[in-house]
Amino acid sequence: MKVPLLTRPIAQEISTVGEQIAEVLKVGMYKQAVTMCLQLLKSMANHFVEDEHYCYFDDMYSPEYALKWIYEEINKYKIDEESQVLLDIGHSEIMDSECYQEYGYPSYL
């Protein structure tokens, strides 16, 4: 399955990384896929606040859709316990961040 075509440049870059993560998942390298996803997610959370992405936050905020697609791809697999713990800890850190607490981003967590 391909990442949905997105028009904004940031989302296009995220989509490219999403395709790479999907390939890593296919070969069972779950910890690497989770690590890549969390690095991307944490970077986006930081930039969302620091670069004032919230000024552009609306129902069509394309990076949100690309990140959600990656999240859904990971959830299609029965990842090993170590990778799941890593994912849970990473999500918890994001949910404790200013980005999530103040802006509810990313909304799919």
PDB file of N, CA and C in Angstrom:
ATOM      1  N   MET A   1       0.842  -1.186   0.000  1.00  0.00           N
ATOM      2  CA  MET A   1       0.000   0.000   0.000  1.00  0.00           C
ATOM      3  C   MET A   1       0.879   1.238   0.000  1.00  0.00           C
ATOM      4  N   LYS A   2       0.529   2.181  -0.799  1.00  0.00           N
ATOM      5  CA  LYS A   2       1.290   3.431  -0.897  1.00  0.00           C
ATOM      6  C   LYS A   2       0.731   4.470   0.068  1.00  0.00           C
ATOM      7  N   VAL A   3       1.634   5.342   0.524  1.00  0.00           N
ATOM      8  CA  VAL A   3       1.218   6.477   1.337  1.00  0.00           C
ATOM      9  C   VAL A   3       0.356   7.372   0.464  1.00  0.00           C
ATOM     10  N   PRO A   4      -0.744   7.916   1.002  1.00  0.00           N
ATOM     11  CA  PRO A   4      -1.583   8.813   0.202  1.00  0.00           C
ATOM     12  C   PRO A   4      -0.770   9.977  -0.361  1.00  0.00           C
ATOM     13  N   LEU A   5      -1.064  10.352  -1.592  1.00  0.00           N
ATOM     14  CA  LEU A   5      -0.382  11.478  -2.225  1.00  0.00           C
ATOM     15  C   LEU A   5      -0.720  12.749  -1.462  1.00  0.00           C
ATOM     16  N   LEU A   6       0.298  13.454  -1.061  1.00  0.00           N
ATOM     17  CA  LEU A   6       0.117  14.666  -0.280  1.00  0.00           C
ATOM     18  C   LEU A   6       0.795  15.817  -1.003  1.00  0.00           C
ATOM     19  N   THR A   7       0.240  16.987  -0.857  1.00  0.00           N
ATOM     20  CA  THR A   7       0.705  18.109  -1.656  1.00  0.00           C
ATOM     21  C   THR A   7       1.718  19.002  -0.967  1.00  0.00           C
ATOM     22  N   ARG A   8       1.759  19.004   0.323  1.00  0.00           N
ATOM     23  CA  ARG A   8       2.680  19.902   1.011  1.00  0.00           C
ATOM     24  C   ARG A   8       4.055  19.253   1.131  1.00  0.00           C
ATOM     25  N   PRO A   9       5.132  20.044   0.950  1.00  0.00           N
ATOM     26  CA  PRO A   9       6.488  19.490   0.944  1.00  0.00           C
ATOM     27  C   PRO A   9       6.857  18.689   2.195  1.00  0.00           C
ATOM     28  N   ILE A  10       6.519  19.172   3.381  1.00  0.00           N
ATOM     29  CA  ILE A  10       6.856  18.438   4.600  1.00  0.00           C
ATOM     30  C   ILE A  10       6.199  17.070   4.566  1.00  0.00           C
ATOM     31  N   ALA A  11       4.954  17.038   4.202  1.00  0.00           N
ATOM     32  CA  ALA A  11       4.228  15.771   4.145  1.00  0.00           C
ATOM     33  C   ALA A  11       4.829  14.836   3.108  1.00  0.00           C
ATOM     34  N   GLN A  12       5.306  15.383   2.018  1.00  0.00           N
ATOM     35  CA  GLN A  12       5.932  14.547   0.992  1.00  0.00           C
ATOM     36  C   GLN A  12       7.200  13.898   1.528  1.00  0.00           C
ATOM     37  N   GLU A  13       7.986  14.641   2.273  1.00  0.00           N
ATOM     38  CA  GLU A  13       9.202  14.081   2.870  1.00  0.00           C
ATOM     39  C   GLU A  13       8.850  13.005   3.892  1.00  0.00           C
ATOM     40  N   ILE A  14       7.843  13.269   4.703  1.00  0.00           N
ATOM     41  CA  ILE A  14       7.402  12.277   5.681  1.00  0.00           C
ATOM     42  C   ILE A  14       6.910  11.026   4.964  1.00  0.00           C
ATOM     43  N   SER A  15       6.213  11.211   3.873  1.00  0.00           N
ATOM     44  CA  SER A  15       5.714  10.073   3.098  1.00  0.00           C
ATOM     45  C   SER A  15       6.858   9.212   2.577  1.00  0.00           C
ATOM     46  N   THR A  16       7.940   9.846   2.167  1.00  0.00           N
ATOM     47  CA  THR A  16       9.113   9.108   1.697  1.00  0.00           C
ATOM     48  C   THR A  16       9.692   8.255   2.823  1.00  0.00           C
ATOM     49  N   VAL A  17       9.822   8.843   3.997  1.00  0.00           N
ATOM     50  CA  VAL A  17      10.308   8.090   5.153  1.00  0.00           C
ATOM     51  C   VAL A  17       9.299   6.995   5.511  1.00  0.00           C
ATOM     52  N   GLY A  18       8.020   7.298   5.370  1.00  0.00           N
ATOM     53  CA  GLY A  18       6.983   6.302   5.635  1.00  0.00           C
ATOM     54  C   GLY A  18       7.121   5.077   4.750  1.00  0.00           C
ATOM     55  N   GLU A  19       7.441   5.296   3.492  1.00  0.00           N
ATOM     56  CA  GLU A  19       7.667   4.173   2.568  1.00  0.00           C
ATOM     57  C   GLU A  19       8.862   3.341   3.028  1.00  0.00           C
ATOM     58  N   GLN A  20       9.911   4.015   3.500  1.00  0.00           N
ATOM     59  CA  GLN A  20      11.083   3.301   4.004  1.00  0.00           C
ATOM     60  C   GLN A  20      10.722   2.482   5.244  1.00  0.00           C
ATOM     61  N   ILE A  21       9.939   3.060   6.128  1.00  0.00           N
ATOM     62  CA  ILE A  21       9.508   2.348   7.330  1.00  0.00           C
ATOM     63  C   ILE A  21       8.665   1.138   6.947  1.00  0.00           C
ATOM     64  N   ALA A  22       7.787   1.293   5.982  1.00  0.00           N
ATOM     65  CA  ALA A  22       6.951   0.176   5.523  1.00  0.00           C
ATOM     66  C   ALA A  22       7.813  -0.969   4.996  1.00  0.00           C
ATOM     67  N   GLU A  23       8.869  -0.638   4.272  1.00  0.00           N
ATOM     68  CA  GLU A  23       9.780  -1.672   3.750  1.00  0.00           C
ATOM     69  C   GLU A  23      10.511  -2.382   4.885  1.00  0.00           C
ATOM     70  N   VAL A  24      10.937  -1.633   5.883  1.00  0.00           N
ATOM     71  CA  VAL A  24      11.628  -2.214   7.034  1.00  0.00           C
ATOM     72  C   VAL A  24      10.673  -3.143   7.798  1.00  0.00           C
ATOM     73  N   LEU A  25       9.422  -2.740   7.925  1.00  0.00           N
ATOM     74  CA  LEU A  25       8.426  -3.589   8.585  1.00  0.00           C
ATOM     75  C   LEU A  25       8.231  -4.902   7.835  1.00  0.00           C
ATOM     76  N   LYS A  26       8.188  -4.826   6.521  1.00  0.00           N
ATOM     77  CA  LYS A  26       7.957  -6.026   5.702  1.00  0.00           C
ATOM     78  C   LYS A  26       8.999  -7.105   5.935  1.00  0.00           C
ATOM     79  N   VAL A  27      10.219  -6.706   6.251  1.00  0.00           N
ATOM     80  CA  VAL A  27      11.277  -7.695   6.475  1.00  0.00           C
ATOM     81  C   VAL A  27      11.451  -8.022   7.960  1.00  0.00           C
ATOM     82  N   GLY A  28      10.527  -7.550   8.788  1.00  0.00           N
ATOM     83  CA  GLY A  28      10.515  -7.927  10.197  1.00  0.00           C
ATOM     84  C   GLY A  28      11.476  -7.179  11.095  1.00  0.00           C
ATOM     85  N   MET A  29      11.996  -6.075  10.638  1.00  0.00           N
ATOM     86  CA  MET A  29      12.918  -5.279  11.455  1.00  0.00           C
ATOM     87  C   MET A  29      12.109  -4.244  12.244  1.00  0.00           C
ATOM     88  N   TYR A  30      11.320  -4.750  13.176  1.00  0.00           N
ATOM     89  CA  TYR A  30      10.345  -3.923  13.878  1.00  0.00           C
ATOM     90  C   TYR A  30      10.979  -2.850  14.752  1.00  0.00           C
ATOM     91  N   LYS A  31      12.043  -3.201  15.471  1.00  0.00           N
ATOM     92  CA  LYS A  31      12.678  -2.210  16.340  1.00  0.00           C
ATOM     93  C   LYS A  31      13.216  -1.042  15.515  1.00  0.00           C
ATOM     94  N   GLN A  32      13.810  -1.338  14.383  1.00  0.00           N
ATOM     95  CA  GLN A  32      14.315  -0.270  13.512  1.00  0.00           C
ATOM     96  C   GLN A  32      13.158   0.585  12.996  1.00  0.00           C
ATOM     97  N   ALA A  33      12.066  -0.051  12.601  1.00  0.00           N
ATOM     98  CA  ALA A  33      10.903   0.687  12.099  1.00  0.00           C
ATOM     99  C   ALA A  33      10.323   1.595  13.181  1.00  0.00           C
ATOM    100  N   VAL A  34      10.207   1.066  14.390  1.00  0.00           N
ATOM    101  CA  VAL A  34       9.670   1.854  15.504  1.00  0.00           C
ATOM    102  C   VAL A  34      10.607   3.017  15.816  1.00  0.00           C
ATOM    103  N   THR A  35      11.901   2.753  15.817  1.00  0.00           N
ATOM    104  CA  THR A  35      12.881   3.810  16.082  1.00  0.00           C
ATOM    105  C   THR A  35      12.784   4.916  15.036  1.00  0.00           C
ATOM    106  N   MET A  36      12.706   4.529  13.775  1.00  0.00           N
ATOM    107  CA  MET A  36      12.574   5.520  12.696  1.00  0.00           C
ATOM    108  C   MET A  36      11.298   6.338  12.866  1.00  0.00           C
ATOM    109  N   CYS A  37      10.220   5.666  13.183  1.00  0.00           N
ATOM    110  CA  CYS A  37       8.930   6.338  13.369  1.00  0.00           C
ATOM    111  C   CYS A  37       8.999   7.337  14.521  1.00  0.00           C
ATOM    112  N   LEU A  38       9.557   6.904  15.649  1.00  0.00           N
ATOM    113  CA  LEU A  38       9.628   7.782  16.815  1.00  0.00           C
ATOM    114  C   LEU A  38      10.561   8.969  16.577  1.00  0.00           C
ATOM    115  N   GLN A  39      11.663   8.748  15.874  1.00  0.00           N
ATOM    116  CA  GLN A  39      12.551   9.867  15.546  1.00  0.00           C
ATOM    117  C   GLN A  39      11.806  10.908  14.717  1.00  0.00           C
ATOM    118  N   LEU A  40      11.072  10.436  13.749  1.00  0.00           N
ATOM    119  CA  LEU A  40      10.300  11.325  12.890  1.00  0.00           C
ATOM    120  C   LEU A  40       9.216  12.046  13.689  1.00  0.00           C
ATOM    121  N   LEU A  41       8.514  11.305  14.511  1.00  0.00           N
ATOM    122  CA  LEU A  41       7.425  11.869  15.304  1.00  0.00           C
ATOM    123  C   LEU A  41       7.940  12.916  16.290  1.00  0.00           C
ATOM    124  N   LYS A  42       9.039  12.606  16.972  1.00  0.00           N
ATOM    125  CA  LYS A  42       9.607  13.565  17.928  1.00  0.00           C
ATOM    126  C   LYS A  42      10.113  14.818  17.216  1.00  0.00           C
ATOM    127  N   SER A  43      10.720  14.635  16.074  1.00  0.00           N
ATOM    128  CA  SER A  43      11.188  15.778  15.290  1.00  0.00           C
ATOM    129  C   SER A  43      10.017  16.659  14.872  1.00  0.00           C
ATOM    130  N   MET A  44       8.965  16.040  14.393  1.00  0.00           N
ATOM    131  CA  MET A  44       7.784  16.813  13.982  1.00  0.00           C
ATOM    132  C   MET A  44       7.141  17.514  15.167  1.00  0.00           C
ATOM    133  N   ALA A  45       7.100  16.862  16.324  1.00  0.00           N
ATOM    134  CA  ALA A  45       6.519  17.488  17.515  1.00  0.00           C
ATOM    135  C   ALA A  45       7.325  18.724  17.909  1.00  0.00           C
ATOM    136  N   ASN A  46       8.650  18.621  17.842  1.00  0.00           N
ATOM    137  CA  ASN A  46       9.495  19.779  18.161  1.00  0.00           C
ATOM    138  C   ASN A  46       9.291  20.906  17.155  1.00  0.00           C
ATOM    139  N   HIS A  47       9.313  20.573  15.882  1.00  0.00           N
ATOM    140  CA  HIS A  47       9.141  21.596  14.846  1.00  0.00           C
ATOM    141  C   HIS A  47       7.739  22.195  14.874  1.00  0.00           C
ATOM    142  N   PHE A  48       6.756  21.414  15.255  1.00  0.00           N
ATOM    143  CA  PHE A  48       5.384  21.905  15.327  1.00  0.00           C
ATOM    144  C   PHE A  48       5.311  23.119  16.246  1.00  0.00           C
ATOM    145  N   VAL A  49       6.019  23.046  17.375  1.00  0.00           N
ATOM    146  CA  VAL A  49       6.015  24.145  18.336  1.00  0.00           C
ATOM    147  C   VAL A  49       7.054  25.204  17.961  1.00  0.00           C
ATOM    148  N   GLU A  50       8.306  24.784  17.754  1.00  0.00           N
ATOM    149  CA  GLU A  50       9.392  25.737  17.506  1.00  0.00           C
ATOM    150  C   GLU A  50       9.195  26.558  16.235  1.00  0.00           C
ATOM    151  N   ASP A  51       8.696  25.925  15.190  1.00  0.00           N
ATOM    152  CA  ASP A  51       8.507  26.610  13.909  1.00  0.00           C
ATOM    153  C   ASP A  51       7.076  27.094  13.708  1.00  0.00           C
ATOM    154  N   GLU A  52       6.301  27.039  14.776  1.00  0.00           N
ATOM    155  CA  GLU A  52       4.922  27.531  14.784  1.00  0.00           C
ATOM    156  C   GLU A  52       4.051  26.892  13.705  1.00  0.00           C
ATOM    157  N   HIS A  53       4.210  25.578  13.539  1.00  0.00           N
ATOM    158  CA  HIS A  53       3.346  24.866  12.593  1.00  0.00           C
ATOM    159  C   HIS A  53       1.880  24.976  13.002  1.00  0.00           C
ATOM    160  N   TYR A  54       1.641  25.225  14.290  1.00  0.00           N
ATOM    161  CA  TYR A  54       0.261  25.348  14.750  1.00  0.00           C
ATOM    162  C   TYR A  54      -0.472  26.498  14.060  1.00  0.00           C
ATOM    163  N   CYS A  55       0.268  27.427  13.473  1.00  0.00           N
ATOM    164  CA  CYS A  55      -0.369  28.499  12.698  1.00  0.00           C
ATOM    165  C   CYS A  55      -1.048  27.955  11.444  1.00  0.00           C
ATOM    166  N   TYR A  56      -0.623  26.774  11.025  1.00  0.00           N
ATOM    167  CA  TYR A  56      -1.167  26.154   9.814  1.00  0.00           C
ATOM    168  C   TYR A  56      -2.013  24.936  10.147  1.00  0.00           C
ATOM    169  N   PHE A  57      -2.267  24.728  11.427  1.00  0.00           N
ATOM    170  CA  PHE A  57      -2.965  23.539  11.895  1.00  0.00           C
ATOM    171  C   PHE A  57      -4.451  23.649  11.580  1.00  0.00           C
ATOM    172  N   ASP A  58      -4.919  22.747  10.728  1.00  0.00           N
ATOM    173  CA  ASP A  58      -6.336  22.679  10.407  1.00  0.00           C
ATOM    174  C   ASP A  58      -6.658  21.246   9.992  1.00  0.00           C
ATOM    175  N   ASP A  59      -7.852  21.030   9.499  1.00  0.00           N
ATOM    176  CA  ASP A  59      -8.270  19.681   9.118  1.00  0.00           C
ATOM    177  C   ASP A  59      -7.460  19.111   7.966  1.00  0.00           C
ATOM    178  N   MET A  60      -6.740  19.952   7.267  1.00  0.00           N
ATOM    179  CA  MET A  60      -5.972  19.495   6.109  1.00  0.00           C
ATOM    180  C   MET A  60      -4.465  19.574   6.357  1.00  0.00           C
ATOM    181  N   TYR A  61      -4.051  19.549   7.615  1.00  0.00           N
ATOM    182  CA  TYR A  61      -2.627  19.608   7.938  1.00  0.00           C
ATOM    183  C   TYR A  61      -1.984  18.300   7.492  1.00  0.00           C
ATOM    184  N   SER A  62      -1.414  18.304   6.318  1.00  0.00           N
ATOM    185  CA  SER A  62      -0.944  17.092   5.648  1.00  0.00           C
ATOM    186  C   SER A  62       0.052  16.244   6.430  1.00  0.00           C
ATOM    187  N   PRO A  63       1.034  16.819   7.130  1.00  0.00           N
ATOM    188  CA  PRO A  63       1.954  15.945   7.861  1.00  0.00           C
ATOM    189  C   PRO A  63       1.238  15.033   8.856  1.00  0.00           C
ATOM    190  N   GLU A  64       0.169  15.509   9.421  1.00  0.00           N
ATOM    191  CA  GLU A  64      -0.613  14.694  10.358  1.00  0.00           C
ATOM    192  C   GLU A  64      -1.095  13.413   9.684  1.00  0.00           C
ATOM    193  N   TYR A  65      -1.561  13.519   8.458  1.00  0.00           N
ATOM    194  CA  TYR A  65      -2.070  12.345   7.745  1.00  0.00           C
ATOM    195  C   TYR A  65      -0.949  11.373   7.400  1.00  0.00           C
ATOM    196  N   ALA A  66       0.205  11.894   7.025  1.00  0.00           N
ATOM    197  CA  ALA A  66       1.342  11.032   6.694  1.00  0.00           C
ATOM    198  C   ALA A  66       1.839  10.293   7.935  1.00  0.00           C
ATOM    199  N   LEU A  67       1.921  10.985   9.059  1.00  0.00           N
ATOM    200  CA  LEU A  67       2.345  10.350  10.302  1.00  0.00           C
ATOM    201  C   LEU A  67       1.334   9.306  10.757  1.00  0.00           C
ATOM    202  N   LYS A  68       0.068   9.611  10.595  1.00  0.00           N
ATOM    203  CA  LYS A  68      -0.973   8.650  10.971  1.00  0.00           C
ATOM    204  C   LYS A  68      -0.870   7.398  10.112  1.00  0.00           C
ATOM    205  N   TRP A  69      -0.574   7.553   8.837  1.00  0.00           N
ATOM    206  CA  TRP A  69      -0.430   6.401   7.952  1.00  0.00           C
ATOM    207  C   TRP A  69       0.698   5.496   8.437  1.00  0.00           C
ATOM    208  N   ILE A  70       1.831   6.084   8.840  1.00  0.00           N
ATOM    209  CA  ILE A  70       2.960   5.304   9.358  1.00  0.00           C
ATOM    210  C   ILE A  70       2.537   4.554  10.616  1.00  0.00           C
ATOM    211  N   TYR A  71       1.845   5.243  11.500  1.00  0.00           N
ATOM    212  CA  TYR A  71       1.348   4.631  12.739  1.00  0.00           C
ATOM    213  C   TYR A  71       0.448   3.436  12.428  1.00  0.00           C
ATOM    214  N   GLU A  72      -0.431   3.601  11.471  1.00  0.00           N
ATOM    215  CA  GLU A  72      -1.333   2.513  11.080  1.00  0.00           C
ATOM    216  C   GLU A  72      -0.565   1.350  10.456  1.00  0.00           C
ATOM    217  N   GLU A  73       0.484   1.652   9.700  1.00  0.00           N
ATOM    218  CA  GLU A  73       1.312   0.594   9.109  1.00  0.00           C
ATOM    219  C   GLU A  73       1.957  -0.252  10.200  1.00  0.00           C
ATOM    220  N   ILE A  74       2.500   0.391  11.211  1.00  0.00           N
ATOM    221  CA  ILE A  74       3.138  -0.345  12.311  1.00  0.00           C
ATOM    222  C   ILE A  74       2.112  -1.221  13.013  1.00  0.00           C
ATOM    223  N   ASN A  75       0.914  -0.693  13.206  1.00  0.00           N
ATOM    224  CA  ASN A  75      -0.121  -1.446  13.917  1.00  0.00           C
ATOM    225  C   ASN A  75      -0.663  -2.632  13.135  1.00  0.00           C
ATOM    226  N   LYS A  76      -0.337  -2.734  11.858  1.00  0.00           N
ATOM    227  CA  LYS A  76      -0.753  -3.893  11.066  1.00  0.00           C
ATOM    228  C   LYS A  76       0.055  -5.138  11.422  1.00  0.00           C
ATOM    229  N   TYR A  77       1.199  -4.931  12.056  1.00  0.00           N
ATOM    230  CA  TYR A  77       2.108  -6.029  12.365  1.00  0.00           C
ATOM    231  C   TYR A  77       2.041  -6.387  13.844  1.00  0.00           C
ATOM    232  N   LYS A  78       2.277  -7.642  14.126  1.00  0.00           N
ATOM    233  CA  LYS A  78       2.410  -8.076  15.512  1.00  0.00           C
ATOM    234  C   LYS A  78       3.888  -7.938  15.862  1.00  0.00           C
ATOM    235  N   ILE A  79       4.242  -6.744  16.320  1.00  0.00           N
ATOM    236  CA  ILE A  79       5.649  -6.474  16.605  1.00  0.00           C
ATOM    237  C   ILE A  79       6.051  -7.143  17.914  1.00  0.00           C
ATOM    238  N   ASP A  80       7.350  -7.392  18.054  1.00  0.00           N
ATOM    239  CA  ASP A  80       7.860  -8.057  19.252  1.00  0.00           C
ATOM    240  C   ASP A  80       7.694  -7.156  20.473  1.00  0.00           C
ATOM    241  N   GLU A  81       7.799  -7.769  21.643  1.00  0.00           N
ATOM    242  CA  GLU A  81       7.550  -7.059  22.897  1.00  0.00           C
ATOM    243  C   GLU A  81       8.505  -5.882  23.103  1.00  0.00           C
ATOM    244  N   GLU A  82       9.785  -6.077  22.791  1.00  0.00           N
ATOM    245  CA  GLU A  82      10.766  -5.002  22.958  1.00  0.00           C
ATOM    246  C   GLU A  82      10.403  -3.782  22.104  1.00  0.00           C
ATOM    247  N   SER A  83       9.998  -4.031  20.873  1.00  0.00           N
ATOM    248  CA  SER A  83       9.613  -2.937  19.975  1.00  0.00           C
ATOM    249  C   SER A  83       8.339  -2.263  20.455  1.00  0.00           C
ATOM    250  N   GLN A  84       7.402  -3.052  20.977  1.00  0.00           N
ATOM    251  CA  GLN A  84       6.147  -2.493  21.486  1.00  0.00           C
ATOM    252  C   GLN A  84       6.401  -1.602  22.694  1.00  0.00           C
ATOM    253  N   VAL A  85       7.284  -2.050  23.588  1.00  0.00           N
ATOM    254  CA  VAL A  85       7.636  -1.238  24.762  1.00  0.00           C
ATOM    255  C   VAL A  85       8.282   0.072  24.312  1.00  0.00           C
ATOM    256  N   LEU A  86       9.190  -0.016  23.350  1.00  0.00           N
ATOM    257  CA  LEU A  86       9.839   1.177  22.803  1.00  0.00           C
ATOM    258  C   LEU A  86       8.803   2.136  22.223  1.00  0.00           C
ATOM    259  N   LEU A  87       7.854   1.600  21.478  1.00  0.00           N
ATOM    260  CA  LEU A  87       6.789   2.412  20.884  1.00  0.00           C
ATOM    261  C   LEU A  87       5.929   3.058  21.968  1.00  0.00           C
ATOM    262  N   ASP A  88       5.566   2.286  22.983  1.00  0.00           N
ATOM    263  CA  ASP A  88       4.735   2.814  24.068  1.00  0.00           C
ATOM    264  C   ASP A  88       5.446   3.931  24.827  1.00  0.00           C
ATOM    265  N   ILE A  89       6.728   3.730  25.114  1.00  0.00           N
ATOM    266  CA  ILE A  89       7.506   4.760  25.817  1.00  0.00           C
ATOM    267  C   ILE A  89       7.610   6.020  24.958  1.00  0.00           C
ATOM    268  N   GLY A  90       7.884   5.841  23.680  1.00  0.00           N
ATOM    269  CA  GLY A  90       7.975   6.983  22.772  1.00  0.00           C
ATOM    270  C   GLY A  90       6.673   7.758  22.688  1.00  0.00           C
ATOM    271  N   HIS A  91       5.573   7.032  22.602  1.00  0.00           N
ATOM    272  CA  HIS A  91       4.269   7.702  22.553  1.00  0.00           C
ATOM    273  C   HIS A  91       3.989   8.438  23.858  1.00  0.00           C
ATOM    274  N   SER A  92       4.362   7.827  24.965  1.00  0.00           N
ATOM    275  CA  SER A  92       4.168   8.467  26.265  1.00  0.00           C
ATOM    276  C   SER A  92       4.957   9.774  26.348  1.00  0.00           C
ATOM    277  N   GLU A  93       6.190   9.754  25.843  1.00  0.00           N
ATOM    278  CA  GLU A  93       7.008  10.970  25.836  1.00  0.00           C
ATOM    279  C   GLU A  93       6.370  12.057  24.980  1.00  0.00           C
ATOM    280  N   ILE A  94       5.853  11.674  23.836  1.00  0.00           N
ATOM    281  CA  ILE A  94       5.185  12.644  22.958  1.00  0.00           C
ATOM    282  C   ILE A  94       3.947  13.206  23.653  1.00  0.00           C
ATOM    283  N   MET A  95       3.192  12.336  24.305  1.00  0.00           N
ATOM    284  CA  MET A  95       1.966  12.781  24.964  1.00  0.00           C
ATOM    285  C   MET A  95       2.252  13.707  26.145  1.00  0.00           C
ATOM    286  N   ASP A  96       3.464  13.636  26.694  1.00  0.00           N
ATOM    287  CA  ASP A  96       3.867  14.540  27.770  1.00  0.00           C
ATOM    288  C   ASP A  96       4.454  15.846  27.243  1.00  0.00           C
ATOM    289  N   SER A  97       4.641  15.950  25.935  1.00  0.00           N
ATOM    290  CA  SER A  97       5.285  17.125  25.342  1.00  0.00           C
ATOM    291  C   SER A  97       4.327  18.311  25.244  1.00  0.00           C
ATOM    292  N   GLU A  98       4.912  19.485  25.119  1.00  0.00           N
ATOM    293  CA  GLU A  98       4.124  20.703  24.918  1.00  0.00           C
ATOM    294  C   GLU A  98       3.250  20.580  23.674  1.00  0.00           C
ATOM    295  N   CYS A  99       3.814  19.980  22.662  1.00  0.00           N
ATOM    296  CA  CYS A  99       3.106  19.830  21.389  1.00  0.00           C
ATOM    297  C   CYS A  99       1.773  19.103  21.582  1.00  0.00           C
ATOM    298  N   TYR A 100       1.808  18.012  22.300  1.00  0.00           N
ATOM    299  CA  TYR A 100       0.589  17.229  22.507  1.00  0.00           C
ATOM    300  C   TYR A 100      -0.303  17.883  23.566  1.00  0.00           C
ATOM    301  N   GLN A 101       0.301  18.335  24.657  1.00  0.00           N
ATOM    302  CA  GLN A 101      -0.471  18.911  25.759  1.00  0.00           C
ATOM    303  C   GLN A 101      -1.199  20.198  25.359  1.00  0.00           C
ATOM    304  N   GLU A 102      -0.515  21.051  24.602  1.00  0.00           N
ATOM    305  CA  GLU A 102      -1.085  22.349  24.247  1.00  0.00           C
ATOM    306  C   GLU A 102      -1.868  22.356  22.936  1.00  0.00           C
ATOM    307  N   TYR A 103      -1.461  21.490  22.006  1.00  0.00           N
ATOM    308  CA  TYR A 103      -2.047  21.546  20.663  1.00  0.00           C
ATOM    309  C   TYR A 103      -2.724  20.246  20.226  1.00  0.00           C
ATOM    310  N   GLY A 104      -2.601  19.204  21.039  1.00  0.00           N
ATOM    311  CA  GLY A 104      -3.229  17.930  20.687  1.00  0.00           C
ATOM    312  C   GLY A 104      -2.628  17.288  19.454  1.00  0.00           C
ATOM    313  N   TYR A 105      -1.324  17.558  19.226  1.00  0.00           N
ATOM    314  CA  TYR A 105      -0.657  17.030  18.035  1.00  0.00           C
ATOM    315  C   TYR A 105       0.421  16.056  18.449  1.00  0.00           C
ATOM    316  N   PRO A 106       0.453  14.908  17.862  1.00  0.00           N
ATOM    317  CA  PRO A 106      -0.414  14.356  16.817  1.00  0.00           C
ATOM    318  C   PRO A 106      -1.718  13.836  17.417  1.00  0.00           C
ATOM    319  N   SER A 107      -2.776  14.056  16.719  1.00  0.00           N
ATOM    320  CA  SER A 107      -4.111  13.774  17.255  1.00  0.00           C
ATOM    321  C   SER A 107      -4.454  12.295  17.317  1.00  0.00           C
ATOM    322  N   TYR A 108      -3.736  11.446  16.597  1.00  0.00           N
ATOM    323  CA  TYR A 108      -4.100  10.031  16.526  1.00  0.00           C
ATOM    324  C   TYR A 108      -3.561   9.199  17.687  1.00  0.00           C
ATOM    325  N   LEU A 109      -2.733   9.796  18.558  1.00  0.00           N
ATOM    326  CA  LEU A 109      -2.204   9.032  19.695  1.00  0.00           C
ATOM    327  C   LEU A 109      -3.244   8.865  20.776  1.00  0.00           C
TER     328      LEU A 109
END
